Amino acid sequence: MSVTLSDRIERTIDELGAEGQLRRVLDDWYAQRGETVDLDSESARVRALLDVADATVRGWTLDAGYQHLAGWHNERDATERPAWHGRRERSAAQWAAQE
């Protein structure tokens, strides 16, 4: 696969080839996952950036799914809330009558 990189990405790939903050952060990212990575070659650095991008996009997708699910539950709860209150009031009245 051939990919054309932007100047910004090329600078990042070069920067990952030297010791520095960016490389330490990437090493830490892999360490948190119980992995190590050899960033000596340019292709390894590109693969590492793709790993981070993949994990990031999948995380965003999961977050979006949870937000959608929460919205669905909130909408459902709002429509069912009057019925819940009615059941609770009837139950409280029944309990009071039993005492």
N, C-alpha and C. Protein backbone atom coordinates (compact mmCIF):
# COMPACT_ATOMS: atom_id res chain seq x y z
N MET A 1 0.85 -1.17 0.00
CA MET A 1 0.00 0.00 0.00
C MET A 1 0.90 1.24 0.00
N SER A 2 0.55 2.14 -0.82
CA SER A 2 1.30 3.39 -0.90
C SER A 2 0.43 4.52 -0.36
N VAL A 3 1.04 5.34 0.48
CA VAL A 3 0.28 6.43 1.11
C VAL A 3 1.09 7.72 0.99
N THR A 4 0.41 8.79 0.61
CA THR A 4 1.04 10.11 0.57
C THR A 4 0.80 10.77 1.92
N LEU A 5 1.87 11.22 2.54
CA LEU A 5 1.78 11.81 3.88
C LEU A 5 1.86 13.32 3.81
N SER A 6 1.18 13.97 4.72
CA SER A 6 1.28 15.42 4.81
C SER A 6 2.63 15.78 5.43
N ASP A 7 3.02 17.01 5.26
CA ASP A 7 4.28 17.48 5.85
C ASP A 7 4.26 17.33 7.37
N ARG A 8 3.12 17.61 7.96
CA ARG A 8 2.99 17.51 9.42
C ARG A 8 3.22 16.08 9.89
N ILE A 9 2.64 15.11 9.21
CA ILE A 9 2.81 13.71 9.58
C ILE A 9 4.26 13.28 9.35
N GLU A 10 4.87 13.74 8.28
CA GLU A 10 6.28 13.40 8.04
C GLU A 10 7.17 13.94 9.16
N ARG A 11 6.88 15.15 9.63
CA ARG A 11 7.66 15.72 10.74
C ARG A 11 7.45 14.88 12.01
N THR A 12 6.24 14.45 12.24
CA THR A 12 5.95 13.61 13.41
C THR A 12 6.71 12.30 13.32
N ILE A 13 6.72 11.68 12.16
CA ILE A 13 7.44 10.42 11.96
C ILE A 13 8.92 10.62 12.21
N ASP A 14 9.48 11.71 11.71
CA ASP A 14 10.89 12.02 11.95
C ASP A 14 11.14 12.24 13.44
N GLU A 15 10.26 12.98 14.08
CA GLU A 15 10.42 13.29 15.50
C GLU A 15 10.36 12.02 16.36
N LEU A 16 9.55 11.05 15.95
CA LEU A 16 9.47 9.79 16.69
C LEU A 16 10.75 8.97 16.57
N GLY A 17 11.59 9.30 15.60
CA GLY A 17 12.85 8.60 15.42
C GLY A 17 13.93 9.01 16.40
N ALA A 18 13.70 10.09 17.12
CA ALA A 18 14.69 10.58 18.08
C ALA A 18 14.09 10.55 19.48
N GLU A 19 14.97 10.47 20.46
CA GLU A 19 14.51 10.54 21.85
C GLU A 19 13.86 11.90 22.08
N GLY A 20 12.73 11.90 22.70
CA GLY A 20 12.04 13.15 22.99
C GLY A 20 10.69 12.87 23.61
N GLN A 21 9.97 13.93 23.90
CA GLN A 21 8.68 13.82 24.57
C GLN A 21 7.68 12.99 23.75
N LEU A 22 7.63 13.23 22.46
CA LEU A 22 6.67 12.52 21.62
C LEU A 22 6.93 11.01 21.64
N ARG A 23 8.19 10.66 21.54
CA ARG A 23 8.53 9.23 21.56
C ARG A 23 8.24 8.61 22.93
N ARG A 24 8.53 9.33 24.00
CA ARG A 24 8.25 8.81 25.35
C ARG A 24 6.75 8.58 25.54
N VAL A 25 5.96 9.50 25.03
CA VAL A 25 4.51 9.35 25.15
C VAL A 25 4.04 8.12 24.38
N LEU A 26 4.57 7.90 23.20
CA LEU A 26 4.18 6.74 22.41
C LEU A 26 4.65 5.45 23.08
N ASP A 27 5.86 5.45 23.62
CA ASP A 27 6.34 4.28 24.37
C ASP A 27 5.44 3.99 25.56
N ASP A 28 5.02 5.04 26.27
CA ASP A 28 4.12 4.88 27.41
C ASP A 28 2.76 4.33 26.96
N TRP A 29 2.28 4.80 25.81
CA TRP A 29 1.00 4.33 25.28
C TRP A 29 1.04 2.82 25.05
N TYR A 30 2.13 2.36 24.45
CA TYR A 30 2.29 0.91 24.23
C TYR A 30 2.46 0.17 25.56
N ALA A 31 3.21 0.75 26.47
CA ALA A 31 3.44 0.10 27.77
C ALA A 31 2.12 -0.09 28.53
N GLN A 32 1.22 0.87 28.43
CA GLN A 32 -0.07 0.75 29.10
C GLN A 32 -0.87 -0.43 28.54
N ARG A 33 -0.56 -0.84 27.35
CA ARG A 33 -1.24 -1.97 26.71
C ARG A 33 -0.44 -3.27 26.85
N GLY A 34 0.66 -3.18 27.60
CA GLY A 34 1.50 -4.36 27.81
C GLY A 34 2.31 -4.72 26.58
N GLU A 35 2.59 -3.76 25.74
CA GLU A 35 3.35 -4.00 24.51
C GLU A 35 4.58 -3.11 24.49
N THR A 36 5.53 -3.50 23.67
CA THR A 36 6.68 -2.65 23.38
C THR A 36 6.74 -2.47 21.88
N VAL A 37 7.40 -1.43 21.45
CA VAL A 37 7.51 -1.16 20.03
C VAL A 37 8.92 -0.67 19.73
N ASP A 38 9.45 -1.12 18.60
CA ASP A 38 10.75 -0.68 18.14
C ASP A 38 10.51 0.40 17.09
N LEU A 39 10.86 1.62 17.42
CA LEU A 39 10.59 2.75 16.52
C LEU A 39 11.81 3.17 15.72
N ASP A 40 12.75 2.23 15.51
CA ASP A 40 13.98 2.58 14.79
C ASP A 40 13.75 2.83 13.31
N SER A 41 12.81 2.12 12.70
CA SER A 41 12.59 2.32 11.27
C SER A 41 11.41 3.26 11.03
N GLU A 42 11.45 3.93 9.90
CA GLU A 42 10.38 4.84 9.54
C GLU A 42 9.05 4.09 9.39
N SER A 43 9.09 2.91 8.80
CA SER A 43 7.85 2.14 8.62
C SER A 43 7.27 1.71 9.97
N ALA A 44 8.12 1.41 10.95
CA ALA A 44 7.63 1.06 12.29
C ALA A 44 6.95 2.25 12.93
N ARG A 45 7.49 3.44 12.72
CA ARG A 45 6.88 4.65 13.29
C ARG A 45 5.53 4.94 12.62
N VAL A 46 5.43 4.69 11.33
CA VAL A 46 4.15 4.87 10.64
C VAL A 46 3.13 3.87 11.18
N ARG A 47 3.54 2.62 11.35
CA ARG A 47 2.62 1.61 11.90
C ARG A 47 2.20 1.99 13.32
N ALA A 48 3.11 2.53 14.10
CA ALA A 48 2.77 2.94 15.47
C ALA A 48 1.72 4.05 15.44
N LEU A 49 1.89 5.01 14.55
CA LEU A 49 0.89 6.08 14.44
C LEU A 49 -0.46 5.52 14.00
N LEU A 50 -0.44 4.54 13.12
CA LEU A 50 -1.69 3.91 12.69
C LEU A 50 -2.34 3.15 13.84
N ASP A 51 -1.52 2.51 14.69
CA ASP A 51 -2.07 1.84 15.88
C ASP A 51 -2.80 2.83 16.77
N VAL A 52 -2.17 3.97 17.00
CA VAL A 52 -2.78 5.00 17.86
C VAL A 52 -4.05 5.53 17.20
N ALA A 53 -4.00 5.79 15.91
CA ALA A 53 -5.18 6.30 15.21
C ALA A 53 -6.32 5.29 15.27
N ASP A 54 -6.01 4.02 15.07
CA ASP A 54 -7.03 2.97 15.11
C ASP A 54 -7.68 2.92 16.50
N ALA A 55 -6.87 2.91 17.54
CA ALA A 55 -7.40 2.86 18.90
C ALA A 55 -8.23 4.10 19.22
N THR A 56 -7.78 5.25 18.74
CA THR A 56 -8.49 6.50 19.00
C THR A 56 -9.85 6.51 18.31
N VAL A 57 -9.88 6.15 17.03
CA VAL A 57 -11.14 6.17 16.29
C VAL A 57 -12.11 5.13 16.87
N ARG A 58 -11.60 3.97 17.23
CA ARG A 58 -12.47 2.95 17.84
C ARG A 58 -13.01 3.44 19.19
N GLY A 59 -12.19 4.15 19.94
CA GLY A 59 -12.64 4.73 21.21
C GLY A 59 -13.72 5.76 20.99
N TRP A 60 -13.55 6.62 19.98
CA TRP A 60 -14.58 7.61 19.66
C TRP A 60 -15.88 6.93 19.26
N THR A 61 -15.76 5.84 18.49
CA THR A 61 -16.94 5.10 18.06
C THR A 61 -17.67 4.52 19.26
N LEU A 62 -16.94 3.95 20.19
CA LEU A 62 -17.54 3.40 21.39
C LEU A 62 -18.22 4.50 22.21
N ASP A 63 -17.55 5.64 22.36
CA ASP A 63 -18.14 6.77 23.09
C ASP A 63 -19.43 7.23 22.42
N ALA A 64 -19.42 7.31 21.09
CA ALA A 64 -20.63 7.73 20.37
C ALA A 64 -21.76 6.73 20.59
N GLY A 65 -21.43 5.45 20.59
CA GLY A 65 -22.44 4.43 20.84
C GLY A 65 -23.03 4.54 22.23
N TYR A 66 -22.19 4.78 23.23
CA TYR A 66 -22.68 4.95 24.60
C TYR A 66 -23.55 6.21 24.72
N GLN A 67 -23.16 7.28 24.03
CA GLN A 67 -23.97 8.51 24.07
C GLN A 67 -25.34 8.26 23.44
N HIS A 68 -25.36 7.52 22.33
CA HIS A 68 -26.62 7.20 21.68
C HIS A 68 -27.49 6.35 22.60
N LEU A 69 -26.89 5.36 23.23
CA LEU A 69 -27.61 4.49 24.14
C LEU A 69 -28.17 5.28 25.33
N ALA A 70 -27.37 6.17 25.88
CA ALA A 70 -27.82 7.00 27.01
C ALA A 70 -28.99 7.89 26.57
N GLY A 71 -28.90 8.47 25.38
CA GLY A 71 -29.99 9.29 24.87
C GLY A 71 -31.25 8.48 24.68
N TRP A 72 -31.12 7.29 24.18
CA TRP A 72 -32.28 6.42 23.98
C TRP A 72 -32.93 6.10 25.32
N HIS A 73 -32.10 5.77 26.32
CA HIS A 73 -32.65 5.46 27.65
C HIS A 73 -33.32 6.68 28.27
N ASN A 74 -32.72 7.85 28.10
CA ASN A 74 -33.31 9.06 28.67
C ASN A 74 -34.65 9.37 28.03
N GLU A 75 -34.74 9.19 26.71
CA GLU A 75 -36.02 9.42 26.02
C GLU A 75 -37.07 8.42 26.49
N ARG A 76 -36.69 7.16 26.59
CA ARG A 76 -37.61 6.12 27.04
C ARG A 76 -38.05 6.40 28.48
N ASP A 77 -37.08 6.76 29.31
CA ASP A 77 -37.41 7.05 30.71
C ASP A 77 -38.39 8.22 30.81
N ALA A 78 -38.19 9.25 29.99
CA ALA A 78 -39.06 10.42 30.04
C ALA A 78 -40.49 10.05 29.66
N THR A 79 -40.66 9.16 28.69
CA THR A 79 -42.02 8.78 28.29
C THR A 79 -42.64 7.82 29.29
N GLU A 80 -41.85 7.04 29.99
CA GLU A 80 -42.39 6.07 30.94
C GLU A 80 -42.49 6.61 32.36
N ARG A 81 -41.87 7.74 32.62
CA ARG A 81 -41.85 8.29 33.99
C ARG A 81 -43.25 8.49 34.58
N PRO A 82 -44.23 9.05 33.84
CA PRO A 82 -45.57 9.19 34.43
C PRO A 82 -46.16 7.85 34.87
N ALA A 83 -45.93 6.80 34.10
CA ALA A 83 -46.44 5.47 34.49
C ALA A 83 -45.75 4.99 35.75
N TRP A 84 -44.46 5.24 35.88
CA TRP A 84 -43.73 4.83 37.09
C TRP A 84 -44.29 5.54 38.31
N HIS A 85 -44.52 6.86 38.15
CA HIS A 85 -45.05 7.62 39.28
C HIS A 85 -46.43 7.09 39.67
N GLY A 86 -47.25 6.79 38.68
CA GLY A 86 -48.58 6.26 38.95
C GLY A 86 -48.51 4.94 39.70
N ARG A 87 -47.64 4.04 39.28
CA ARG A 87 -47.47 2.75 39.96
C ARG A 87 -46.98 2.95 41.39
N ARG A 88 -46.04 3.86 41.56
CA ARG A 88 -45.51 4.12 42.90
C ARG A 88 -46.59 4.69 43.81
N GLU A 89 -47.39 5.60 43.29
CA GLU A 89 -48.47 6.20 44.11
C GLU A 89 -49.49 5.14 44.48
N ARG A 90 -49.86 4.26 43.52
CA ARG A 90 -50.81 3.20 43.83
C ARG A 90 -50.23 2.25 44.87
N SER A 91 -48.96 1.91 44.72
CA SER A 91 -48.31 1.01 45.68
C SER A 91 -48.29 1.64 47.07
N ALA A 92 -47.94 2.91 47.14
CA ALA A 92 -47.88 3.58 48.44
C ALA A 92 -49.27 3.62 49.08
N ALA A 93 -50.28 3.87 48.25
CA ALA A 93 -51.65 3.88 48.79
C ALA A 93 -52.06 2.49 49.26
N GLN A 94 -51.68 1.47 48.52
CA GLN A 94 -52.00 0.08 48.92
C GLN A 94 -51.29 -0.29 50.21
N TRP A 95 -50.04 0.10 50.33
CA TRP A 95 -49.30 -0.22 51.56
C TRP A 95 -49.92 0.50 52.75
N ALA A 96 -50.33 1.75 52.54
CA ALA A 96 -50.94 2.50 53.64
C ALA A 96 -52.27 1.87 54.05
N ALA A 97 -53.01 1.37 53.06
CA ALA A 97 -54.30 0.73 53.36
C ALA A 97 -54.11 -0.58 54.12
N GLN A 98 -53.03 -1.25 53.87
CA GLN A 98 -52.77 -2.54 54.53
C GLN A 98 -52.38 -2.36 55.99
N GLU A 99 -51.85 -1.22 56.33
CA GLU A 99 -51.40 -0.98 57.71
C GLU A 99 -52.58 -0.70 58.51
